[in-house]
Amino acid sequence: MLRKYTLLLLITAWALQGSWTSPAGRTITGIVTAADETGPVEGVQVAVKGTKMISGTQSDGVYYIPVTDKDSILVFSHCDFQTQEVKLTAANEYNILLQKKKAP
């Protein structure tokens, strides 16, 4: 019986180990819309500057991207709009207005 409890304790400790060693983080969310009031923008690439973490907006302009406490800037880019960088603060929601690129 003691052997079963020891095994259960070891398995529990092993399962919890990942949560102790994982970096602290949060999920940033929001809606990306066009500044000319044409509505939400689908297909905007949302990236954490300086990392390989990339997400994108859905058809309703909504995005979700996980960040760590060390991440500080999100980059929003789309072929039809000007790229915009946003410095993260304590907020978890950032609604973004993108300006259309000027025609050459």
PDB file of N, CA and C in Angstrom:
ATOM      1  N   MET A   1       0.817  -1.186   0.000  1.00  0.00           N
ATOM      2  CA  MET A   1       0.000   0.000   0.000  1.00  0.00           C
ATOM      3  C   MET A   1       0.869   1.261   0.000  1.00  0.00           C
ATOM      4  N   LEU A   2       1.930   1.257   0.794  1.00  0.00           N
ATOM      5  CA  LEU A   2       2.841   2.396   0.841  1.00  0.00           C
ATOM      6  C   LEU A   2       3.494   2.613  -0.516  1.00  0.00           C
ATOM      7  N   ARG A   3       3.763   1.531  -1.209  1.00  0.00           N
ATOM      8  CA  ARG A   3       4.388   1.615  -2.531  1.00  0.00           C
ATOM      9  C   ARG A   3       3.462   2.320  -3.522  1.00  0.00           C
ATOM     10  N   LYS A   4       2.158   2.054  -3.454  1.00  0.00           N
ATOM     11  CA  LYS A   4       1.189   2.700  -4.337  1.00  0.00           C
ATOM     12  C   LYS A   4       1.137   4.205  -4.063  1.00  0.00           C
ATOM     13  N   TYR A   5       1.138   4.600  -2.789  1.00  0.00           N
ATOM     14  CA  TYR A   5       1.114   6.026  -2.446  1.00  0.00           C
ATOM     15  C   TYR A   5       2.384   6.735  -2.897  1.00  0.00           C
ATOM     16  N   THR A   6       3.507   6.062  -2.754  1.00  0.00           N
ATOM     17  CA  THR A   6       4.776   6.648  -3.201  1.00  0.00           C
ATOM     18  C   THR A   6       4.761   6.864  -4.710  1.00  0.00           C
ATOM     19  N   LEU A   7       4.273   5.864  -5.432  1.00  0.00           N
ATOM     20  CA  LEU A   7       4.178   5.974  -6.885  1.00  0.00           C
ATOM     21  C   LEU A   7       3.222   7.096  -7.285  1.00  0.00           C
ATOM     22  N   LEU A   8       2.075   7.194  -6.616  1.00  0.00           N
ATOM     23  CA  LEU A   8       1.113   8.254  -6.895  1.00  0.00           C
ATOM     24  C   LEU A   8       1.720   9.632  -6.622  1.00  0.00           C
ATOM     25  N   LEU A   9       2.454   9.758  -5.545  1.00  0.00           N
ATOM     26  CA  LEU A   9       3.111  11.019  -5.203  1.00  0.00           C
ATOM     27  C   LEU A   9       4.158  11.398  -6.250  1.00  0.00           C
ATOM     28  N   LEU A  10       4.936  10.435  -6.724  1.00  0.00           N
ATOM     29  CA  LEU A  10       5.945  10.702  -7.752  1.00  0.00           C
ATOM     30  C   LEU A  10       5.301  11.123  -9.074  1.00  0.00           C
ATOM     31  N   ILE A  11       4.225  10.463  -9.453  1.00  0.00           N
ATOM     32  CA  ILE A  11       3.538  10.817 -10.699  1.00  0.00           C
ATOM     33  C   ILE A  11       2.947  12.221 -10.599  1.00  0.00           C
ATOM     34  N   THR A  12       2.347  12.557  -9.472  1.00  0.00           N
ATOM     35  CA  THR A  12       1.779  13.891  -9.274  1.00  0.00           C
ATOM     36  C   THR A  12       2.869  14.957  -9.328  1.00  0.00           C
ATOM     37  N   ALA A  13       3.976  14.728  -8.671  1.00  0.00           N
ATOM     38  CA  ALA A  13       5.086  15.679  -8.685  1.00  0.00           C
ATOM     39  C   ALA A  13       5.636  15.861 -10.092  1.00  0.00           C
ATOM     40  N   TRP A  14       5.743  14.787 -10.847  1.00  0.00           N
ATOM     41  CA  TRP A  14       6.239  14.863 -12.224  1.00  0.00           C
ATOM     42  C   TRP A  14       5.274  15.658 -13.095  1.00  0.00           C
ATOM     43  N   ALA A  15       3.958  15.450 -12.925  1.00  0.00           N
ATOM     44  CA  ALA A  15       2.957  16.154 -13.727  1.00  0.00           C
ATOM     45  C   ALA A  15       2.956  17.645 -13.419  1.00  0.00           C
ATOM     46  N   LEU A  16       3.161  18.006 -12.179  1.00  0.00           N
ATOM     47  CA  LEU A  16       3.160  19.416 -11.784  1.00  0.00           C
ATOM     48  C   LEU A  16       4.465  20.124 -12.113  1.00  0.00           C
ATOM     49  N   GLN A  17       5.513  19.400 -12.372  1.00  0.00           N
ATOM     50  CA  GLN A  17       6.823  19.989 -12.632  1.00  0.00           C
ATOM     51  C   GLN A  17       6.775  20.963 -13.798  1.00  0.00           C
ATOM     52  N   GLY A  18       6.050  20.658 -14.855  1.00  0.00           N
ATOM     53  CA  GLY A  18       5.969  21.528 -16.018  1.00  0.00           C
ATOM     54  C   GLY A  18       5.407  22.890 -15.683  1.00  0.00           C
ATOM     55  N   SER A  19       4.435  22.967 -14.784  1.00  0.00           N
ATOM     56  CA  SER A  19       3.850  24.258 -14.439  1.00  0.00           C
ATOM     57  C   SER A  19       4.809  25.106 -13.605  1.00  0.00           C
ATOM     58  N   TRP A  20       5.732  24.490 -12.889  1.00  0.00           N
ATOM     59  CA  TRP A  20       6.690  25.258 -12.103  1.00  0.00           C
ATOM     60  C   TRP A  20       7.805  25.821 -12.964  1.00  0.00           C
ATOM     61  N   THR A  21       8.136  25.134 -14.044  1.00  0.00           N
ATOM     62  CA  THR A  21       9.268  25.563 -14.847  1.00  0.00           C
ATOM     63  C   THR A  21       8.874  26.346 -16.095  1.00  0.00           C
ATOM     64  N   SER A  22       7.576  26.414 -16.423  1.00  0.00           N
ATOM     65  CA  SER A  22       7.171  27.132 -17.632  1.00  0.00           C
ATOM     66  C   SER A  22       7.221  28.641 -17.394  1.00  0.00           C
ATOM     67  N   PRO A  23       7.577  29.427 -18.433  1.00  0.00           N
ATOM     68  CA  PRO A  23       7.654  30.866 -18.263  1.00  0.00           C
ATOM     69  C   PRO A  23       6.264  31.461 -18.064  1.00  0.00           C
ATOM     70  N   ALA A  24       6.198  32.495 -17.250  1.00  0.00           N
ATOM     71  CA  ALA A  24       4.925  33.161 -17.018  1.00  0.00           C
ATOM     72  C   ALA A  24       4.478  33.823 -18.313  1.00  0.00           C
ATOM     73  N   GLY A  25       3.198  33.846 -18.545  1.00  0.00           N
ATOM     74  CA  GLY A  25       2.707  34.448 -19.772  1.00  0.00           C
ATOM     75  C   GLY A  25       1.236  34.792 -19.667  1.00  0.00           C
ATOM     76  N   ARG A  26       0.727  35.324 -20.769  1.00  0.00           N
ATOM     77  CA  ARG A  26      -0.671  35.700 -20.864  1.00  0.00           C
ATOM     78  C   ARG A  26      -1.069  35.678 -22.334  1.00  0.00           C
ATOM     79  N   THR A  27      -2.341  35.807 -22.597  1.00  0.00           N
ATOM     80  CA  THR A  27      -2.832  35.848 -23.962  1.00  0.00           C
ATOM     81  C   THR A  27      -3.367  37.240 -24.251  1.00  0.00           C
ATOM     82  N   ILE A  28      -2.888  37.818 -25.337  1.00  0.00           N
ATOM     83  CA  ILE A  28      -3.346  39.128 -25.784  1.00  0.00           C
ATOM     84  C   ILE A  28      -4.420  38.894 -26.845  1.00  0.00           C
ATOM     85  N   THR A  29      -5.472  39.680 -26.797  1.00  0.00           N
ATOM     86  CA  THR A  29      -6.559  39.566 -27.753  1.00  0.00           C
ATOM     87  C   THR A  29      -7.053  40.947 -28.151  1.00  0.00           C
ATOM     88  N   GLY A  30      -7.849  41.000 -29.191  1.00  0.00           N
ATOM     89  CA  GLY A  30      -8.432  42.254 -29.630  1.00  0.00           C
ATOM     90  C   GLY A  30      -9.054  42.103 -31.001  1.00  0.00           C
ATOM     91  N   ILE A  31      -9.465  43.249 -31.560  1.00  0.00           N
ATOM     92  CA  ILE A  31     -10.069  43.279 -32.891  1.00  0.00           C
ATOM     93  C   ILE A  31      -9.303  44.278 -33.739  1.00  0.00           C
ATOM     94  N   VAL A  32      -8.976  43.896 -34.968  1.00  0.00           N
ATOM     95  CA  VAL A  32      -8.300  44.780 -35.913  1.00  0.00           C
ATOM     96  C   VAL A  32      -9.347  45.262 -36.919  1.00  0.00           C
ATOM     97  N   THR A  33      -9.484  46.583 -37.010  1.00  0.00           N
ATOM     98  CA  THR A  33     -10.425  47.165 -37.960  1.00  0.00           C
ATOM     99  C   THR A  33      -9.709  48.202 -38.821  1.00  0.00           C
ATOM    100  N   ALA A  34     -10.326  48.502 -39.957  1.00  0.00           N
ATOM    101  CA  ALA A  34      -9.783  49.517 -40.861  1.00  0.00           C
ATOM    102  C   ALA A  34     -10.132  50.898 -40.325  1.00  0.00           C
ATOM    103  N   ALA A  35      -9.185  51.809 -40.365  1.00  0.00           N
ATOM    104  CA  ALA A  35      -9.398  53.158 -39.852  1.00  0.00           C
ATOM    105  C   ALA A  35     -10.429  53.931 -40.669  1.00  0.00           C
ATOM    106  N   ASP A  36     -10.655  53.518 -41.933  1.00  0.00           N
ATOM    107  CA  ASP A  36     -11.637  54.202 -42.778  1.00  0.00           C
ATOM    108  C   ASP A  36     -13.059  53.712 -42.525  1.00  0.00           C
ATOM    109  N   GLU A  37     -13.240  52.969 -41.446  1.00  0.00           N
ATOM    110  CA  GLU A  37     -14.539  52.486 -40.986  1.00  0.00           C
ATOM    111  C   GLU A  37     -15.199  51.492 -41.941  1.00  0.00           C
ATOM    112  N   THR A  38     -14.397  50.743 -42.699  1.00  0.00           N
ATOM    113  CA  THR A  38     -14.952  49.716 -43.579  1.00  0.00           C
ATOM    114  C   THR A  38     -15.143  48.390 -42.854  1.00  0.00           C
ATOM    115  N   GLY A  39     -14.768  48.317 -41.594  1.00  0.00           N
ATOM    116  CA  GLY A  39     -15.026  47.121 -40.807  1.00  0.00           C
ATOM    117  C   GLY A  39     -13.777  46.362 -40.408  1.00  0.00           C
ATOM    118  N   PRO A  40     -13.983  45.151 -39.871  1.00  0.00           N
ATOM    119  CA  PRO A  40     -12.860  44.329 -39.423  1.00  0.00           C
ATOM    120  C   PRO A  40     -11.985  43.890 -40.586  1.00  0.00           C
ATOM    121  N   VAL A  41     -10.713  43.623 -40.286  1.00  0.00           N
ATOM    122  CA  VAL A  41      -9.759  43.222 -41.319  1.00  0.00           C
ATOM    123  C   VAL A  41      -9.332  41.780 -41.074  1.00  0.00           C
ATOM    124  N   GLU A  42      -9.612  40.933 -42.043  1.00  0.00           N
ATOM    125  CA  GLU A  42      -9.217  39.528 -41.973  1.00  0.00           C
ATOM    126  C   GLU A  42      -7.814  39.365 -42.543  1.00  0.00           C
ATOM    127  N   GLY A  43      -7.055  38.423 -42.015  1.00  0.00           N
ATOM    128  CA  GLY A  43      -5.747  38.085 -42.566  1.00  0.00           C
ATOM    129  C   GLY A  43      -4.606  38.986 -42.137  1.00  0.00           C
ATOM    130  N   VAL A  44      -4.794  39.746 -41.083  1.00  0.00           N
ATOM    131  CA  VAL A  44      -3.693  40.559 -40.551  1.00  0.00           C
ATOM    132  C   VAL A  44      -2.745  39.642 -39.794  1.00  0.00           C
ATOM    133  N   GLN A  45      -1.459  39.738 -40.086  1.00  0.00           N
ATOM    134  CA  GLN A  45      -0.463  38.956 -39.352  1.00  0.00           C
ATOM    135  C   GLN A  45      -0.143  39.700 -38.069  1.00  0.00           C
ATOM    136  N   VAL A  46      -0.240  38.992 -36.959  1.00  0.00           N
ATOM    137  CA  VAL A  46       0.086  39.545 -35.645  1.00  0.00           C
ATOM    138  C   VAL A  46       1.306  38.789 -35.142  1.00  0.00           C
ATOM    139  N   ALA A  47       2.398  39.507 -34.918  1.00  0.00           N
ATOM    140  CA  ALA A  47       3.648  38.862 -34.506  1.00  0.00           C
ATOM    141  C   ALA A  47       4.192  39.516 -33.248  1.00  0.00           C
ATOM    142  N   VAL A  48       4.861  38.714 -32.439  1.00  0.00           N
ATOM    143  CA  VAL A  48       5.593  39.239 -31.287  1.00  0.00           C
ATOM    144  C   VAL A  48       6.973  39.614 -31.799  1.00  0.00           C
ATOM    145  N   LYS A  49       7.305  40.890 -31.728  1.00  0.00           N
ATOM    146  CA  LYS A  49       8.572  41.384 -32.267  1.00  0.00           C
ATOM    147  C   LYS A  49       9.752  40.681 -31.597  1.00  0.00           C
ATOM    148  N   GLY A  50      10.687  40.227 -32.430  1.00  0.00           N
ATOM    149  CA  GLY A  50      11.889  39.575 -31.926  1.00  0.00           C
ATOM    150  C   GLY A  50      11.731  38.095 -31.641  1.00  0.00           C
ATOM    151  N   THR A  51      10.566  37.531 -31.960  1.00  0.00           N
ATOM    152  CA  THR A  51      10.347  36.094 -31.752  1.00  0.00           C
ATOM    153  C   THR A  51       9.750  35.490 -33.024  1.00  0.00           C
ATOM    154  N   LYS A  52       9.511  34.196 -32.981  1.00  0.00           N
ATOM    155  CA  LYS A  52       8.878  33.513 -34.105  1.00  0.00           C
ATOM    156  C   LYS A  52       7.385  33.318 -33.872  1.00  0.00           C
ATOM    157  N   MET A  53       6.846  33.910 -32.793  1.00  0.00           N
ATOM    158  CA  MET A  53       5.440  33.751 -32.463  1.00  0.00           C
ATOM    159  C   MET A  53       4.597  34.611 -33.403  1.00  0.00           C
ATOM    160  N   ILE A  54       3.729  33.942 -34.185  1.00  0.00           N
ATOM    161  CA  ILE A  54       2.886  34.626 -35.161  1.00  0.00           C
ATOM    162  C   ILE A  54       1.461  34.096 -35.049  1.00  0.00           C
ATOM    163  N   SER A  55       0.514  35.004 -35.191  1.00  0.00           N
ATOM    164  CA  SER A  55      -0.890  34.650 -35.223  1.00  0.00           C
ATOM    165  C   SER A  55      -1.529  35.449 -36.352  1.00  0.00           C
ATOM    166  N   GLY A  56      -2.833  35.386 -36.463  1.00  0.00           N
ATOM    167  CA  GLY A  56      -3.514  36.140 -37.506  1.00  0.00           C
ATOM    168  C   GLY A  56      -4.942  36.440 -37.119  1.00  0.00           C
ATOM    169  N   THR A  57      -5.533  37.421 -37.817  1.00  0.00           N
ATOM    170  CA  THR A  57      -6.917  37.757 -37.522  1.00  0.00           C
ATOM    171  C   THR A  57      -7.867  36.845 -38.276  1.00  0.00           C
ATOM    172  N   GLN A  58      -9.016  36.624 -37.666  1.00  0.00           N
ATOM    173  CA  GLN A  58     -10.069  35.817 -38.254  1.00  0.00           C
ATOM    174  C   GLN A  58     -10.950  36.724 -39.126  1.00  0.00           C
ATOM    175  N   SER A  59     -12.017  36.187 -39.697  1.00  0.00           N
ATOM    176  CA  SER A  59     -12.884  36.967 -40.579  1.00  0.00           C
ATOM    177  C   SER A  59     -13.553  38.134 -39.864  1.00  0.00           C
ATOM    178  N   ASP A  60     -13.711  38.039 -38.559  1.00  0.00           N
ATOM    179  CA  ASP A  60     -14.312  39.133 -37.787  1.00  0.00           C
ATOM    180  C   ASP A  60     -13.270  40.087 -37.208  1.00  0.00           C
ATOM    181  N   GLY A  61     -11.991  39.930 -37.627  1.00  0.00           N
ATOM    182  CA  GLY A  61     -10.922  40.808 -37.168  1.00  0.00           C
ATOM    183  C   GLY A  61     -10.335  40.450 -35.817  1.00  0.00           C
ATOM    184  N   VAL A  62     -10.832  39.413 -35.192  1.00  0.00           N
ATOM    185  CA  VAL A  62     -10.380  39.018 -33.854  1.00  0.00           C
ATOM    186  C   VAL A  62      -9.060  38.250 -33.953  1.00  0.00           C
ATOM    187  N   TYR A  63      -8.166  38.512 -32.994  1.00  0.00           N
ATOM    188  CA  TYR A  63      -6.902  37.783 -32.905  1.00  0.00           C
ATOM    189  C   TYR A  63      -6.640  37.391 -31.461  1.00  0.00           C
ATOM    190  N   TYR A  64      -5.848  36.351 -31.289  1.00  0.00           N
ATOM    191  CA  TYR A  64      -5.362  35.872 -29.985  1.00  0.00           C
ATOM    192  C   TYR A  64      -3.901  35.527 -30.184  1.00  0.00           C
ATOM    193  N   ILE A  65      -3.046  35.968 -29.273  1.00  0.00           N
ATOM    194  CA  ILE A  65      -1.640  35.598 -29.366  1.00  0.00           C
ATOM    195  C   ILE A  65      -1.052  35.478 -27.958  1.00  0.00           C
ATOM    196  N   PRO A  66      -0.404  34.342 -27.661  1.00  0.00           N
ATOM    197  CA  PRO A  66       0.234  34.192 -26.354  1.00  0.00           C
ATOM    198  C   PRO A  66       1.553  34.959 -26.311  1.00  0.00           C
ATOM    199  N   VAL A  67       1.815  35.586 -25.188  1.00  0.00           N
ATOM    200  CA  VAL A  67       3.075  36.309 -24.986  1.00  0.00           C
ATOM    201  C   VAL A  67       3.638  35.948 -23.617  1.00  0.00           C
ATOM    202  N   THR A  68       4.933  36.137 -23.467  1.00  0.00           N
ATOM    203  CA  THR A  68       5.558  35.951 -22.158  1.00  0.00           C
ATOM    204  C   THR A  68       5.727  37.328 -21.523  1.00  0.00           C
ATOM    205  N   ASP A  69       6.131  37.346 -20.281  1.00  0.00           N
ATOM    206  CA  ASP A  69       6.338  38.618 -19.593  1.00  0.00           C
ATOM    207  C   ASP A  69       7.461  39.433 -20.214  1.00  0.00           C
ATOM    208  N   LYS A  70       8.371  38.776 -20.921  1.00  0.00           N
ATOM    209  CA  LYS A  70       9.496  39.481 -21.543  1.00  0.00           C
ATOM    210  C   LYS A  70       9.097  40.150 -22.859  1.00  0.00           C
ATOM    211  N   ASP A  71       8.014  39.683 -23.499  1.00  0.00           N
ATOM    212  CA  ASP A  71       7.582  40.254 -24.775  1.00  0.00           C
ATOM    213  C   ASP A  71       7.012  41.656 -24.539  1.00  0.00           C
ATOM    214  N   SER A  72       7.340  42.582 -25.448  1.00  0.00           N
ATOM    215  CA  SER A  72       6.899  43.944 -25.207  1.00  0.00           C
ATOM    216  C   SER A  72       6.265  44.639 -26.404  1.00  0.00           C
ATOM    217  N   ILE A  73       6.393  44.095 -27.614  1.00  0.00           N
ATOM    218  CA  ILE A  73       5.853  44.774 -28.798  1.00  0.00           C
ATOM    219  C   ILE A  73       5.164  43.769 -29.713  1.00  0.00           C
ATOM    220  N   LEU A  74       3.944  44.130 -30.162  1.00  0.00           N
ATOM    221  CA  LEU A  74       3.252  43.358 -31.180  1.00  0.00           C
ATOM    222  C   LEU A  74       3.322  44.120 -32.488  1.00  0.00           C
ATOM    223  N   VAL A  75       3.473  43.388 -33.598  1.00  0.00           N
ATOM    224  CA  VAL A  75       3.556  43.981 -34.929  1.00  0.00           C
ATOM    225  C   VAL A  75       2.363  43.481 -35.745  1.00  0.00           C
ATOM    226  N   PHE A  76       1.564  44.418 -36.270  1.00  0.00           N
ATOM    227  CA  PHE A  76       0.394  44.105 -37.077  1.00  0.00           C
ATOM    228  C   PHE A  76       0.705  44.468 -38.522  1.00  0.00           C
ATOM    229  N   SER A  77       0.602  43.479 -39.425  1.00  0.00           N
ATOM    230  CA  SER A  77       0.925  43.765 -40.824  1.00  0.00           C
ATOM    231  C   SER A  77      -0.060  43.079 -41.767  1.00  0.00           C
ATOM    232  N   HIS A  78      -0.306  43.762 -42.889  1.00  0.00           N
ATOM    233  CA  HIS A  78      -1.212  43.280 -43.925  1.00  0.00           C
ATOM    234  C   HIS A  78      -0.803  43.968 -45.217  1.00  0.00           C
ATOM    235  N   CYS A  79      -0.900  43.282 -46.339  1.00  0.00           N
ATOM    236  CA  CYS A  79      -0.417  43.838 -47.607  1.00  0.00           C
ATOM    237  C   CYS A  79      -1.140  45.118 -48.028  1.00  0.00           C
ATOM    238  N   ASP A  80      -2.368  45.328 -47.588  1.00  0.00           N
ATOM    239  CA  ASP A  80      -3.133  46.519 -47.976  1.00  0.00           C
ATOM    240  C   ASP A  80      -3.077  47.657 -46.961  1.00  0.00           C
ATOM    241  N   PHE A  81      -2.426  47.415 -45.817  1.00  0.00           N
ATOM    242  CA  PHE A  81      -2.423  48.404 -44.737  1.00  0.00           C
ATOM    243  C   PHE A  81      -1.003  48.697 -44.270  1.00  0.00           C
ATOM    244  N   GLN A  82      -0.846  49.854 -43.631  1.00  0.00           N
ATOM    245  CA  GLN A  82       0.450  50.226 -43.067  1.00  0.00           C
ATOM    246  C   GLN A  82       0.725  49.348 -41.838  1.00  0.00           C
ATOM    247  N   THR A  83       1.955  48.898 -41.710  1.00  0.00           N
ATOM    248  CA  THR A  83       2.352  48.093 -40.552  1.00  0.00           C
ATOM    249  C   THR A  83       2.303  48.967 -39.305  1.00  0.00           C
ATOM    250  N   GLN A  84       1.823  48.384 -38.232  1.00  0.00           N
ATOM    251  CA  GLN A  84       1.712  49.125 -36.972  1.00  0.00           C
ATOM    252  C   GLN A  84       2.316  48.308 -35.845  1.00  0.00           C
ATOM    253  N   GLU A  85       3.099  48.963 -34.997  1.00  0.00           N
ATOM    254  CA  GLU A  85       3.665  48.323 -33.808  1.00  0.00           C
ATOM    255  C   GLU A  85       2.969  48.874 -32.574  1.00  0.00           C
ATOM    256  N   VAL A  86       2.707  47.990 -31.614  1.00  0.00           N
ATOM    257  CA  VAL A  86       2.034  48.379 -30.379  1.00  0.00           C
ATOM    258  C   VAL A  86       2.855  47.888 -29.201  1.00  0.00           C
ATOM    259  N   LYS A  87       3.215  48.813 -28.317  1.00  0.00           N
ATOM    260  CA  LYS A  87       3.954  48.464 -27.102  1.00  0.00           C
ATOM    261  C   LYS A  87       2.968  47.930 -26.069  1.00  0.00           C
ATOM    262  N   LEU A  88       3.264  46.757 -25.534  1.00  0.00           N
ATOM    263  CA  LEU A  88       2.385  46.136 -24.556  1.00  0.00           C
ATOM    264  C   LEU A  88       2.550  46.766 -23.178  1.00  0.00           C
ATOM    265  N   THR A  89       1.438  46.914 -22.492  1.00  0.00           N
ATOM    266  CA  THR A  89       1.415  47.355 -21.100  1.00  0.00           C
ATOM    267  C   THR A  89       0.766  46.228 -20.295  1.00  0.00           C
ATOM    268  N   ALA A  90       0.132  46.558 -19.198  1.00  0.00           N
ATOM    269  CA  ALA A  90      -0.514  45.531 -18.374  1.00  0.00           C
ATOM    270  C   ALA A  90      -1.825  45.037 -18.967  1.00  0.00           C
ATOM    271  N   ALA A  91      -2.363  45.740 -19.956  1.00  0.00           N
ATOM    272  CA  ALA A  91      -3.642  45.348 -20.562  1.00  0.00           C
ATOM    273  C   ALA A  91      -3.506  44.038 -21.333  1.00  0.00           C
ATOM    274  N   ASN A  92      -4.606  43.315 -21.440  1.00  0.00           N
ATOM    275  CA  ASN A  92      -4.634  42.071 -22.203  1.00  0.00           C
ATOM    276  C   ASN A  92      -5.453  42.206 -23.482  1.00  0.00           C
ATOM    277  N   GLU A  93      -6.068  43.372 -23.700  1.00  0.00           N
ATOM    278  CA  GLU A  93      -6.877  43.594 -24.895  1.00  0.00           C
ATOM    279  C   GLU A  93      -6.408  44.856 -25.607  1.00  0.00           C
ATOM    280  N   TYR A  94      -6.138  44.705 -26.904  1.00  0.00           N
ATOM    281  CA  TYR A  94      -5.689  45.821 -27.741  1.00  0.00           C
ATOM    282  C   TYR A  94      -6.487  45.797 -29.037  1.00  0.00           C
ATOM    283  N   ASN A  95      -7.371  46.778 -29.211  1.00  0.00           N
ATOM    284  CA  ASN A  95      -8.122  46.924 -30.449  1.00  0.00           C
ATOM    285  C   ASN A  95      -7.337  47.871 -31.341  1.00  0.00           C
ATOM    286  N   ILE A  96      -7.099  47.454 -32.585  1.00  0.00           N
ATOM    287  CA  ILE A  96      -6.176  48.148 -33.482  1.00  0.00           C
ATOM    288  C   ILE A  96      -6.916  48.723 -34.681  1.00  0.00           C
ATOM    289  N   LEU A  97      -6.598  49.975 -35.037  1.00  0.00           N
ATOM    290  CA  LEU A  97      -7.097  50.609 -36.260  1.00  0.00           C
ATOM    291  C   LEU A  97      -5.937  50.685 -37.242  1.00  0.00           C
ATOM    292  N   LEU A  98      -6.089  50.067 -38.401  1.00  0.00           N
ATOM    293  CA  LEU A  98      -5.030  50.101 -39.407  1.00  0.00           C
ATOM    294  C   LEU A  98      -5.374  51.099 -40.511  1.00  0.00           C
ATOM    295  N   GLN A  99      -4.363  51.865 -40.921  1.00  0.00           N
ATOM    296  CA  GLN A  99      -4.501  52.828 -42.004  1.00  0.00           C
ATOM    297  C   GLN A  99      -4.193  52.137 -43.335  1.00  0.00           C
ATOM    298  N   LYS A 100      -4.995  52.431 -44.358  1.00  0.00           N
ATOM    299  CA  LYS A 100      -4.731  51.898 -45.701  1.00  0.00           C
ATOM    300  C   LYS A 100      -3.417  52.455 -46.222  1.00  0.00           C
ATOM    301  N   LYS A 101      -2.699  51.644 -47.017  1.00  0.00           N
ATOM    302  CA  LYS A 101      -1.484  52.130 -47.668  1.00  0.00           C
ATOM    303  C   LYS A 101      -1.891  53.113 -48.757  1.00  0.00           C
ATOM    304  N   LYS A 102      -1.055  54.123 -48.936  1.00  0.00           N
ATOM    305  CA  LYS A 102      -1.321  55.101 -49.978  1.00  0.00           C
ATOM    306  C   LYS A 102      -0.926  54.516 -51.331  1.00  0.00           C
ATOM    307  N   ALA A 103      -1.748  54.790 -52.340  1.00  0.00           N
ATOM    308  CA  ALA A 103      -1.448  54.297 -53.687  1.00  0.00           C
ATOM    309  C   ALA A 103      -0.246  55.013 -54.262  1.00  0.00           C
ATOM    310  N   PRO A 104       0.659  54.275 -54.956  1.00  0.00           N
ATOM    311  CA  PRO A 104       1.855  54.905 -55.505  1.00  0.00           C
ATOM    312  C   PRO A 104       1.554  55.804 -56.689  1.00  0.00           C
TER     313      PRO A 104
END
